[in-house]
Amino acid sequence: MFLTWVISSENTFSLGRTQDSEKSYAKACLPSPSNGRFRPKAAVPVPTAATKNNDMIDNAGDTHLQIHYDTMWNRAFSAVAWGDIDCDAHLAAGHDVRRGLTLIARPGPALKARFEFVLDRLALSEPQQYRYPATDMHVTILPLFTAIENPVSELARLNDYIGSVHAALDGIDAFDIEFSGITMSRGAVLAQGFPCGPALETLRERLRAQLRDAGLHASLDQRYRLITAHSTLFRFIAPLSNPRHFAAQLESLRHGQLGCMHVNEVELVVNDWYMSSSSLDRIERISLRPPVSNVGP
């Protein structure tokens, strides 16, 4: 069996804002001149030195991730517009026997609805491609080991993986991931996620440290070192029927607010490569600690 952490979201943005965010952010959303993303405009209260420092961290992280997402887009867009794509043979075959151990987050209903809107637009051009069902939508927090065939030796240490995850989660507060716009590779279309604050990266580093200490790091970050908070929505399984029309649809969805995932619960699961609900085995669901409010009485 494999281990996956799933984070569910109950409070999601409706057209870009949560109910809680209405209390602390102005209703107007202004476009960023640097990248076209829409960010909430700060409310009137004067920030303290601590909040200024957190804002600097958030902005730096957003900028770094946006550069990464932009690089992905720039590398893939021209190729996809000409029909030069990577078709997923395993997905096209209809059954994936690979299994892995992963920590993931799941969007709530409102955010799923926004993702479905994106998928509906893409399917207008390419209905034969694979769109993620709402039940399979997720954000990967960290693959504890990548999905492979016959992971007998890895699964034999499942209890050690569980212990490492519990140790890493101890004291981790709930956090938010804001979704804005899409990016792509030659194999898939992704919703761009931007963590609010350092909690996600802190959790990832604590997981990596716990796995190393337990001797479970042999396949950690095997494909690449995960730094994004994206959600894969759409995969290619057949040649594009109209590449240029599809490219135009992609461009129309490139920017714009999608919503926010409030990460207050994680789930440990065994999964295939695509996090298919039909083959997923949930090991455990764990609640994150409610964040401590900095607002005085």
Protein backbone atom coordinates (compact mmCIF):
# COMPACT_ATOMS: atom_id res chain seq x y z
CA MET A 1 0.00 0.00 0.00
CA PHE A 2 1.01 3.62 -0.46
CA LEU A 3 0.70 6.63 1.75
CA THR A 4 -0.86 9.88 0.59
CA TRP A 5 -1.72 12.98 2.54
CA VAL A 6 -4.84 14.63 1.30
CA ILE A 7 -5.75 18.14 2.37
CA SER A 8 -9.37 19.06 2.03
CA SER A 9 -10.80 22.53 1.76
CA GLU A 10 -14.09 23.77 3.15
CA ASN A 11 -13.61 27.53 2.77
CA THR A 12 -12.90 28.40 -0.85
CA PHE A 13 -12.93 31.66 -2.74
CA SER A 14 -16.03 32.52 -4.67
CA LEU A 15 -14.69 34.46 -7.63
CA GLY A 16 -11.44 34.94 -5.80
CA ARG A 17 -12.39 35.66 -2.17
CA THR A 18 -13.27 33.59 0.92
CA GLN A 19 -15.83 34.72 3.44
CA ASP A 20 -13.07 35.14 6.01
CA SER A 21 -11.00 37.20 3.62
CA GLU A 22 -13.83 39.73 3.32
CA LYS A 23 -13.12 40.74 6.89
CA SER A 24 -9.49 41.61 6.32
CA TYR A 25 -9.21 42.50 2.66
CA ALA A 26 -10.92 45.14 0.55
CA LYS A 27 -13.38 43.86 -2.02
CA ALA A 28 -11.51 45.34 -4.98
CA CYS A 29 -9.01 43.04 -6.68
CA LEU A 30 -6.35 44.78 -8.69
CA PRO A 31 -4.29 43.24 -11.54
CA SER A 32 -0.56 42.95 -10.92
CA PRO A 33 1.32 44.85 -13.66
CA SER A 34 4.15 42.32 -13.61
CA ASN A 35 2.23 39.14 -14.31
CA GLY A 36 -1.47 39.91 -14.73
CA ARG A 37 -2.53 37.93 -11.64
CA PHE A 38 -5.27 39.35 -9.47
CA ARG A 39 -4.39 39.87 -5.82
CA PRO A 40 -6.60 41.25 -3.04
CA LYS A 41 -5.93 44.87 -2.18
CA ALA A 42 -4.81 45.28 1.44
CA ALA A 43 -7.21 46.84 3.93
CA VAL A 44 -6.56 50.11 5.75
CA PRO A 45 -4.86 48.98 9.02
CA VAL A 46 -1.15 49.81 9.18
CA PRO A 47 1.00 46.65 9.07
CA THR A 48 3.38 45.88 11.91
CA ALA A 49 7.03 44.96 11.40
CA ALA A 50 6.08 41.28 11.69
CA THR A 51 3.34 41.49 9.06
CA LYS A 52 5.62 43.46 6.76
CA ASN A 53 8.16 40.66 7.01
CA ASN A 54 5.51 38.01 6.26
CA ASP A 55 4.28 40.05 3.29
CA MET A 56 7.83 40.20 1.94
CA ILE A 57 8.12 36.41 2.27
CA ASP A 58 4.73 35.87 0.56
CA ASN A 59 5.55 38.25 -2.29
CA ALA A 60 8.98 36.71 -2.84
CA GLY A 61 7.47 33.23 -2.88
CA ASP A 62 4.72 34.28 -5.28
CA THR A 63 7.25 35.88 -7.61
CA HIS A 64 9.49 32.78 -7.57
CA LEU A 65 6.56 30.47 -8.31
CA GLN A 66 5.18 32.74 -11.03
CA ILE A 67 8.57 32.73 -12.75
CA HIS A 68 8.58 28.94 -12.56
CA TYR A 69 5.04 28.69 -13.97
CA ASP A 70 5.87 31.23 -16.69
CA THR A 71 8.95 29.21 -17.67
CA MET A 72 6.82 26.07 -18.00
CA TRP A 73 4.31 27.95 -20.18
CA ASN A 74 6.96 29.50 -22.42
CA ARG A 75 8.66 26.15 -23.00
CA ALA A 76 5.45 24.32 -23.91
CA PHE A 77 3.01 26.74 -25.50
CA SER A 78 4.52 27.03 -28.99
CA ALA A 79 4.97 23.27 -29.22
CA VAL A 80 1.38 22.58 -28.16
CA ALA A 81 0.09 25.21 -30.61
CA TRP A 82 1.70 23.13 -33.38
CA GLY A 83 0.37 19.85 -31.98
CA ASP A 84 3.70 18.73 -30.54
CA ILE A 85 2.48 17.09 -27.33
CA ASP A 86 3.40 14.18 -25.06
CA CYS A 87 0.56 11.66 -24.95
CA ASP A 88 0.29 9.60 -21.76
CA ALA A 89 0.37 5.95 -22.83
CA HIS A 90 -0.56 4.59 -19.38
CA LEU A 91 -3.58 6.84 -19.15
CA ALA A 92 -4.64 6.06 -22.72
CA ALA A 93 -4.49 2.34 -21.91
CA GLY A 94 -7.07 2.88 -19.19
CA HIS A 95 -5.45 1.11 -16.25
CA ASP A 96 -2.40 2.06 -14.20
CA VAL A 97 -0.87 -0.66 -11.99
CA ARG A 98 1.78 1.62 -10.49
CA ARG A 99 1.42 2.61 -6.85
CA GLY A 100 3.06 5.30 -4.75
CA LEU A 101 2.96 6.99 -1.37
CA THR A 102 2.02 10.68 -1.46
CA LEU A 103 0.88 13.62 0.65
CA ILE A 104 -1.85 15.55 -1.18
CA ALA A 105 -4.41 18.32 -0.69
CA ARG A 106 -7.94 18.33 -2.07
CA PRO A 107 -9.98 21.37 -3.10
CA GLY A 108 -13.42 22.09 -1.70
CA PRO A 109 -16.63 22.30 -3.76
CA ALA A 110 -16.35 25.96 -4.83
CA LEU A 111 -12.80 25.59 -6.09
CA LYS A 112 -13.65 22.32 -7.83
CA ALA A 113 -16.44 24.16 -9.65
CA ARG A 114 -13.94 26.74 -10.92
CA PHE A 115 -11.62 23.96 -12.07
CA GLU A 116 -14.57 22.32 -13.85
CA PHE A 117 -15.22 25.61 -15.67
CA VAL A 118 -11.63 25.55 -16.96
CA LEU A 119 -12.01 21.92 -18.02
CA ASP A 120 -15.29 22.62 -19.82
CA ARG A 121 -13.57 25.32 -21.86
CA LEU A 122 -10.67 23.04 -22.77
CA ALA A 123 -12.99 20.17 -23.65
CA LEU A 124 -14.82 22.36 -26.15
CA SER A 125 -11.70 22.16 -28.32
CA GLU A 126 -10.36 18.74 -27.37
CA PRO A 127 -13.10 16.50 -25.92
CA GLN A 128 -11.06 13.32 -26.51
CA GLN A 129 -8.36 14.28 -24.01
CA TYR A 130 -8.36 13.28 -20.33
CA ARG A 131 -9.93 15.66 -17.81
CA TYR A 132 -9.54 14.99 -14.11
CA PRO A 133 -12.84 14.05 -12.44
CA ALA A 134 -13.76 16.22 -9.47
CA THR A 135 -13.16 13.22 -7.20
CA ASP A 136 -9.51 13.01 -8.33
CA MET A 137 -8.55 16.71 -8.13
CA HIS A 138 -5.69 17.32 -5.72
CA VAL A 139 -2.51 19.17 -4.87
CA THR A 140 0.55 17.08 -4.12
CA ILE A 141 2.21 18.11 -0.87
CA LEU A 142 5.02 15.57 -1.23
CA PRO A 143 5.43 12.15 -2.86
CA LEU A 144 6.94 9.98 -0.12
CA PHE A 145 7.89 7.64 -2.91
CA THR A 146 6.94 7.88 -6.57
CA ALA A 147 4.37 5.50 -8.06
CA ILE A 148 6.15 2.39 -9.37
CA GLU A 149 5.24 -1.20 -10.23
CA ASN A 150 5.43 -3.74 -7.39
CA PRO A 151 6.66 -1.48 -4.55
CA VAL A 152 6.93 -4.41 -2.17
CA SER A 153 9.98 -3.23 -0.23
CA GLU A 154 8.59 0.29 0.16
CA LEU A 155 5.22 -0.88 1.42
CA ALA A 156 6.88 -3.24 3.89
CA ARG A 157 7.90 -0.08 5.80
CA LEU A 158 4.48 1.57 5.71
CA ASN A 159 4.40 1.98 9.50
CA ASP A 160 7.72 3.82 9.37
CA TYR A 161 6.32 6.17 6.74
CA ILE A 162 3.25 6.79 8.89
CA GLY A 163 5.42 7.61 11.89
CA SER A 164 7.52 10.04 9.85
CA VAL A 165 4.41 11.82 8.59
CA HIS A 166 2.97 12.19 12.10
CA ALA A 167 6.27 13.61 13.36
CA ALA A 168 6.45 16.11 10.49
CA LEU A 169 2.85 17.26 11.00
CA ASP A 170 3.21 17.88 14.72
CA GLY A 171 2.56 21.59 15.30
CA ILE A 172 1.81 22.45 11.64
CA ASP A 173 -0.99 25.02 11.34
CA ALA A 174 -3.72 25.03 8.71
CA PHE A 175 -2.85 27.21 5.72
CA ASP A 176 -4.22 28.51 2.43
CA ILE A 177 -3.25 28.03 -1.22
CA GLU A 178 -4.49 30.64 -3.69
CA PHE A 179 -5.13 29.54 -7.29
CA SER A 180 -4.77 31.98 -10.14
CA GLY A 181 -4.48 31.19 -13.84
CA ILE A 182 -3.12 28.12 -15.63
CA THR A 183 0.21 26.91 -16.94
CA MET A 184 1.16 23.84 -18.95
CA SER A 185 3.72 21.31 -20.09
CA ARG A 186 3.70 19.32 -23.33
CA GLY A 187 1.77 16.65 -21.44
CA ALA A 188 -0.71 18.46 -19.22
CA VAL A 189 -2.53 21.65 -18.21
CA LEU A 190 -2.20 22.79 -14.59
CA ALA A 191 -3.91 25.30 -12.30
CA GLN A 192 -1.32 27.61 -10.74
CA GLY A 193 -1.25 27.48 -6.93
CA PHE A 194 0.41 30.01 -4.62
CA PRO A 195 0.77 29.12 -0.91
CA CYS A 196 -0.10 31.92 1.50
CA GLY A 197 2.85 32.03 3.90
CA PRO A 198 5.66 29.52 4.53
CA ALA A 199 3.62 26.66 6.04
CA LEU A 200 3.60 24.44 2.93
CA GLU A 201 7.35 24.69 2.39
CA THR A 202 7.96 24.18 6.12
CA LEU A 203 5.86 21.01 6.03
CA ARG A 204 7.70 19.71 2.97
CA GLU A 205 11.10 20.28 4.55
CA ARG A 206 10.03 18.63 7.80
CA LEU A 207 8.77 15.62 5.85
CA ARG A 208 12.04 15.36 3.93
CA ALA A 209 14.03 15.56 7.18
CA GLN A 210 11.92 12.90 8.90
CA LEU A 211 12.19 10.55 5.91
CA ARG A 212 15.98 11.00 5.77
CA ASP A 213 16.29 10.30 9.50
CA ALA A 214 14.23 7.12 9.08
CA GLY A 215 16.26 5.95 6.08
CA LEU A 216 13.25 6.36 3.77
CA HIS A 217 14.73 8.91 1.40
CA ALA A 218 16.05 6.66 -1.41
CA SER A 219 13.28 7.64 -3.83
CA LEU A 220 12.52 11.07 -2.34
CA ASP A 221 12.41 13.85 -4.97
CA GLN A 222 13.36 11.19 -7.54
CA ARG A 223 11.67 12.88 -10.51
CA TYR A 224 12.27 16.47 -9.42
CA ARG A 225 12.29 18.54 -6.23
CA LEU A 226 8.71 19.67 -5.72
CA ILE A 227 8.40 23.43 -5.17
CA THR A 228 5.02 24.28 -6.72
CA ALA A 229 1.47 24.02 -5.40
CA HIS A 230 -0.23 23.27 -8.70
CA SER A 231 -3.20 21.04 -9.47
CA THR A 232 -3.06 19.02 -12.69
CA LEU A 233 -6.42 19.25 -14.45
CA PHE A 234 -6.01 17.97 -18.02
CA ARG A 235 -3.72 15.42 -19.70
CA PHE A 236 -3.09 14.58 -23.34
CA ILE A 237 -3.86 11.03 -24.43
CA ALA A 238 -4.37 11.54 -28.19
CA PRO A 239 -3.17 13.88 -30.97
CA LEU A 240 -4.81 17.32 -30.91
CA SER A 241 -7.59 17.73 -33.45
CA ASN A 242 -7.19 21.50 -33.73
CA PRO A 243 -3.97 22.67 -32.05
CA ARG A 244 -4.32 26.36 -32.85
CA HIS A 245 -7.89 26.59 -31.58
CA PHE A 246 -6.85 24.74 -28.44
CA ALA A 247 -3.93 27.15 -27.98
CA ALA A 248 -6.36 30.07 -28.21
CA GLN A 249 -8.48 28.51 -25.44
CA LEU A 250 -5.38 28.11 -23.30
CA GLU A 251 -4.46 31.76 -23.76
CA SER A 252 -7.97 32.86 -22.78
CA LEU A 253 -7.59 30.97 -19.47
CA ARG A 254 -3.99 31.95 -18.77
CA HIS A 255 -4.79 34.57 -16.12
CA GLY A 256 -7.62 35.19 -13.70
CA GLN A 257 -8.52 34.25 -10.15
CA LEU A 258 -9.76 30.70 -9.55
CA GLY A 259 -10.13 30.45 -5.79
CA CYS A 260 -8.48 29.46 -2.53
CA MET A 261 -7.99 26.11 -0.84
CA HIS A 262 -8.10 26.20 2.95
CA VAL A 263 -5.84 23.34 4.01
CA ASN A 264 -7.07 22.19 7.39
CA GLU A 265 -6.94 18.41 6.99
CA VAL A 266 -4.51 15.95 5.49
CA GLU A 267 -4.96 12.39 4.40
CA LEU A 268 -2.57 9.49 4.01
CA VAL A 269 -3.31 7.36 0.91
CA VAL A 270 -1.97 4.74 -1.44
CA ASN A 271 -2.37 5.98 -5.02
CA ASP A 272 -1.73 5.37 -8.68
CA TRP A 273 0.12 7.94 -10.82
CA TYR A 274 -3.06 10.00 -11.37
CA MET A 275 -4.57 9.83 -7.88
CA SER A 276 -7.54 7.93 -9.33
CA SER A 277 -10.30 7.55 -6.76
CA SER A 278 -11.12 4.10 -8.16
CA SER A 279 -7.77 2.72 -7.03
CA LEU A 280 -6.96 5.02 -4.09
CA ASP A 281 -6.55 3.47 -0.64
CA ARG A 282 -6.92 5.99 2.19
CA ILE A 283 -4.75 5.13 5.17
CA GLU A 284 -5.55 7.93 7.56
CA ARG A 285 -7.08 11.42 7.73
CA ILE A 286 -5.49 13.96 10.08
CA SER A 287 -6.60 17.47 11.01
CA LEU A 288 -4.09 20.32 11.05
CA ARG A 289 -3.89 22.70 13.98
CA PRO A 290 -6.07 25.83 13.67
CA PRO A 291 -3.83 28.86 13.10
CA VAL A 292 -3.26 31.16 16.07
CA SER A 293 -4.86 34.56 15.55
CA ASN A 294 -2.59 37.60 15.86
CA VAL A 295 -5.57 39.88 16.45
CA GLY A 296 -5.99 41.06 20.04
CA PRO A 297 -9.28 41.13 21.98
